[in-house]
Amino acid sequence: MHLACAKDDLRPIMACIYFKNGFAYATDGYILARNRIDECSTLQECDIQALDGKLLHANFFKDMLKYDDILISDEGIECHKGDEKAFFYFSQFTKFPDVDKVLQEALNLPAVPMPQISFDTRLLLKLSKALYGFDKCTATFKGTNNPIVFDSIEDCGSIGIMIPYKS
């Protein structure tokens, strides 16, 4: 997930992973990744609900993956591995981009035959790494300057969109 986040100071909120309704979202403005939390983690339903509406910086998320156990509180996530312990605070940002709306708008666009489309292959690799269970997918082209929707062929809730390259 952390790979799909932005890494620039002009959009600091997009350096976070957003948790909402059992999903984790990440975007850098060019790609958007959505994963079902219960499919890509061992978290219990009560922990997933505790994450709802929270934002966690991508670097914290990446570091958190090194630990065996986590405890979720209102302020952040406490992680444990043996004698090692760390605490990662949730971001104080309050307004994440409306990723549900962006995703729904992309899904609602009709599929169209495309003779040719240009895109940055690095974004495709980044999206592939950010999505859980995404070894095989179906790409649906929504038009020349519209997003490309990537649905996993596997039976999982991961979905991604990528903005075409405009020269």
Protein backbone atom coordinates (compact mmCIF):
# COMPACT_ATOMS: atom_id res chain seq x y z
CA MET A 1 0.00 0.00 0.00
CA HIS A 2 2.72 2.46 0.94
CA LEU A 3 4.12 2.26 -2.60
CA ALA A 4 1.02 3.93 -4.05
CA CYS A 5 1.37 7.02 -1.83
CA ALA A 6 2.73 10.38 -2.99
CA LYS A 7 6.21 11.38 -1.93
CA ASP A 8 6.11 15.15 -2.37
CA ASP A 9 5.78 17.96 0.15
CA LEU A 10 3.07 19.76 -1.83
CA ARG A 11 0.48 17.04 -1.13
CA PRO A 12 1.37 15.71 2.33
CA ILE A 13 -2.02 14.07 2.92
CA MET A 14 -1.41 11.87 -0.11
CA ALA A 15 1.62 10.43 1.68
CA CYS A 16 -0.88 8.63 3.92
CA ILE A 17 -2.89 5.44 3.73
CA TYR A 18 -6.57 5.99 4.45
CA PHE A 19 -8.72 3.37 6.14
CA LYS A 20 -12.46 3.39 5.45
CA ASN A 21 -15.25 0.80 5.60
CA GLY A 22 -12.89 -2.17 5.76
CA PHE A 23 -10.64 -0.96 2.93
CA ALA A 24 -7.21 0.66 2.82
CA TYR A 25 -6.70 3.34 0.15
CA ALA A 26 -3.54 4.93 -1.19
CA THR A 27 -3.02 7.37 -4.05
CA ASP A 28 -0.36 9.61 -5.49
CA GLY A 29 -2.74 11.36 -7.90
CA TYR A 30 -1.72 9.13 -10.82
CA ILE A 31 -2.65 5.75 -9.40
CA LEU A 32 -5.14 4.71 -6.76
CA ALA A 33 -4.97 1.40 -4.87
CA ARG A 34 -7.76 -0.11 -2.77
CA ASN A 35 -7.30 -3.30 -0.75
CA ARG A 36 -9.68 -5.12 1.58
CA ILE A 37 -8.00 -5.03 4.99
CA ASP A 38 -9.27 -8.49 5.97
CA GLU A 39 -7.69 -9.99 2.83
CA CYS A 40 -4.25 -8.43 3.18
CA SER A 41 -3.82 -8.65 6.97
CA THR A 42 -4.58 -10.82 9.96
CA LEU A 43 -6.49 -8.04 11.74
CA GLN A 44 -9.70 -8.93 13.52
CA GLU A 45 -12.95 -7.13 12.64
CA CYS A 46 -12.77 -4.98 15.80
CA ASP A 47 -9.28 -3.78 14.78
CA ILE A 48 -10.45 -3.05 11.24
CA GLN A 49 -13.32 -0.99 12.64
CA ALA A 50 -10.89 0.86 14.94
CA LEU A 51 -8.94 1.96 11.84
CA ASP A 52 -12.03 3.45 10.16
CA GLY A 53 -11.48 7.07 9.18
CA LYS A 54 -7.82 7.04 10.25
CA LEU A 55 -4.79 8.06 8.22
CA LEU A 56 -1.34 6.53 8.64
CA HIS A 57 1.78 7.90 6.95
CA ALA A 58 3.18 5.55 4.30
CA ASN A 59 6.58 5.38 6.03
CA PHE A 60 4.91 4.30 9.28
CA PHE A 61 2.91 1.68 7.40
CA LYS A 62 6.07 0.35 5.75
CA ASP A 63 7.89 0.16 9.11
CA MET A 64 4.87 -1.44 10.77
CA LEU A 65 5.14 -4.43 8.41
CA LYS A 66 8.35 -5.50 10.20
CA TYR A 67 6.49 -6.32 13.42
CA ASP A 68 4.60 -9.45 14.46
CA ASP A 69 1.85 -7.99 16.65
CA ILE A 70 -0.03 -4.70 16.62
CA LEU A 71 -2.43 -2.98 18.98
CA ILE A 72 -4.65 -0.21 17.65
CA SER A 73 -5.58 2.76 19.84
CA ASP A 74 -7.26 6.10 19.14
CA GLU A 75 -3.84 7.77 18.78
CA GLY A 76 -2.04 5.22 16.64
CA ILE A 77 -0.67 1.71 16.35
CA GLU A 78 1.63 0.02 18.85
CA CYS A 79 3.80 -2.69 17.29
CA HIS A 80 5.75 -5.55 18.91
CA LYS A 81 8.34 -8.06 17.79
CA GLY A 82 10.07 -9.90 20.60
CA ASP A 83 11.43 -7.25 22.98
CA GLU A 84 11.24 -4.56 20.31
CA LYS A 85 8.36 -2.10 20.49
CA ALA A 86 7.34 0.94 18.40
CA PHE A 87 4.40 3.32 18.27
CA PHE A 88 3.18 4.91 15.05
CA TYR A 89 0.85 7.88 15.44
CA PHE A 90 -2.07 8.40 13.10
CA SER A 91 -1.88 11.50 10.92
CA GLN A 92 -3.75 14.57 12.09
CA PHE A 93 -4.96 15.41 8.58
CA THR A 94 -8.73 15.49 8.40
CA LYS A 95 -9.61 15.51 4.69
CA PHE A 96 -8.37 12.72 2.42
CA PRO A 97 -9.32 12.87 -1.29
CA ASP A 98 -12.74 11.36 -1.97
CA VAL A 99 -11.28 8.10 -3.25
CA ASP A 100 -14.65 6.32 -3.27
CA LYS A 101 -16.02 8.96 -5.63
CA VAL A 102 -12.95 8.83 -7.89
CA LEU A 103 -13.09 5.05 -8.01
CA GLN A 104 -16.85 4.94 -8.63
CA GLU A 105 -16.60 7.52 -11.42
CA ALA A 106 -13.88 5.45 -13.10
CA LEU A 107 -15.92 2.26 -12.73
CA ASN A 108 -19.05 3.93 -14.14
CA LEU A 109 -17.36 5.01 -17.36
CA PRO A 110 -18.18 2.71 -20.27
CA ALA A 111 -15.45 0.42 -21.55
CA VAL A 112 -14.27 1.38 -25.02
CA PRO A 113 -12.05 -0.31 -27.59
CA MET A 114 -8.66 1.36 -27.66
CA PRO A 115 -6.38 1.19 -30.68
CA GLN A 116 -3.52 2.71 -28.69
CA ILE A 117 -2.91 4.18 -25.26
CA SER A 118 0.22 5.57 -23.64
CA PHE A 119 1.10 5.10 -20.00
CA ASP A 120 4.12 5.23 -17.72
CA THR A 121 5.13 1.60 -17.11
CA ARG A 122 6.68 2.60 -13.77
CA LEU A 123 3.19 3.52 -12.55
CA LEU A 124 1.88 0.11 -13.58
CA LEU A 125 4.68 -1.62 -11.64
CA LYS A 126 4.04 0.61 -8.63
CA LEU A 127 0.30 -0.14 -8.73
CA SER A 128 0.96 -3.87 -9.08
CA LYS A 129 3.13 -3.86 -5.95
CA ALA A 130 0.61 -1.78 -3.99
CA LEU A 131 -2.35 -4.09 -4.60
CA TYR A 132 -2.83 -7.28 -2.61
CA GLY A 133 -3.34 -10.51 -4.56
CA PHE A 134 -2.73 -8.82 -7.87
CA ASP A 135 -0.59 -11.24 -9.85
CA LYS A 136 -3.19 -11.44 -12.62
CA CYS A 137 -5.72 -8.79 -13.55
CA THR A 138 -8.14 -7.51 -16.14
CA ALA A 139 -7.52 -4.01 -17.50
CA THR A 140 -10.60 -2.10 -18.62
CA PHE A 141 -9.94 0.91 -20.81
CA LYS A 142 -12.38 3.77 -20.28
CA GLY A 143 -11.24 6.12 -23.06
CA THR A 144 -8.20 7.97 -24.32
CA ASN A 145 -7.77 10.38 -21.40
CA ASN A 146 -9.76 8.42 -18.81
CA PRO A 147 -8.46 6.07 -16.13
CA ILE A 148 -7.60 2.45 -16.79
CA VAL A 149 -9.32 0.18 -14.24
CA PHE A 150 -7.44 -2.90 -13.01
CA ASP A 151 -9.52 -5.67 -11.40
CA SER A 152 -7.88 -8.71 -9.87
CA ILE A 153 -8.71 -12.00 -11.58
CA GLU A 154 -8.20 -13.65 -8.19
CA ASP A 155 -11.19 -13.60 -5.85
CA CYS A 156 -10.20 -10.55 -3.81
CA GLY A 157 -11.42 -7.01 -3.28
CA SER A 158 -8.33 -5.25 -4.60
CA ILE A 159 -8.87 -2.76 -7.38
CA GLY A 160 -6.69 -0.07 -8.90
CA ILE A 161 -6.92 2.78 -11.35
CA MET A 162 -4.19 4.47 -13.34
CA ILE A 163 -4.29 7.73 -15.25
CA PRO A 164 -3.01 7.47 -18.85
CA TYR A 165 0.13 9.33 -19.83
CA LYS A 166 -0.56 12.60 -21.61
CA SER A 167 2.21 13.77 -23.86
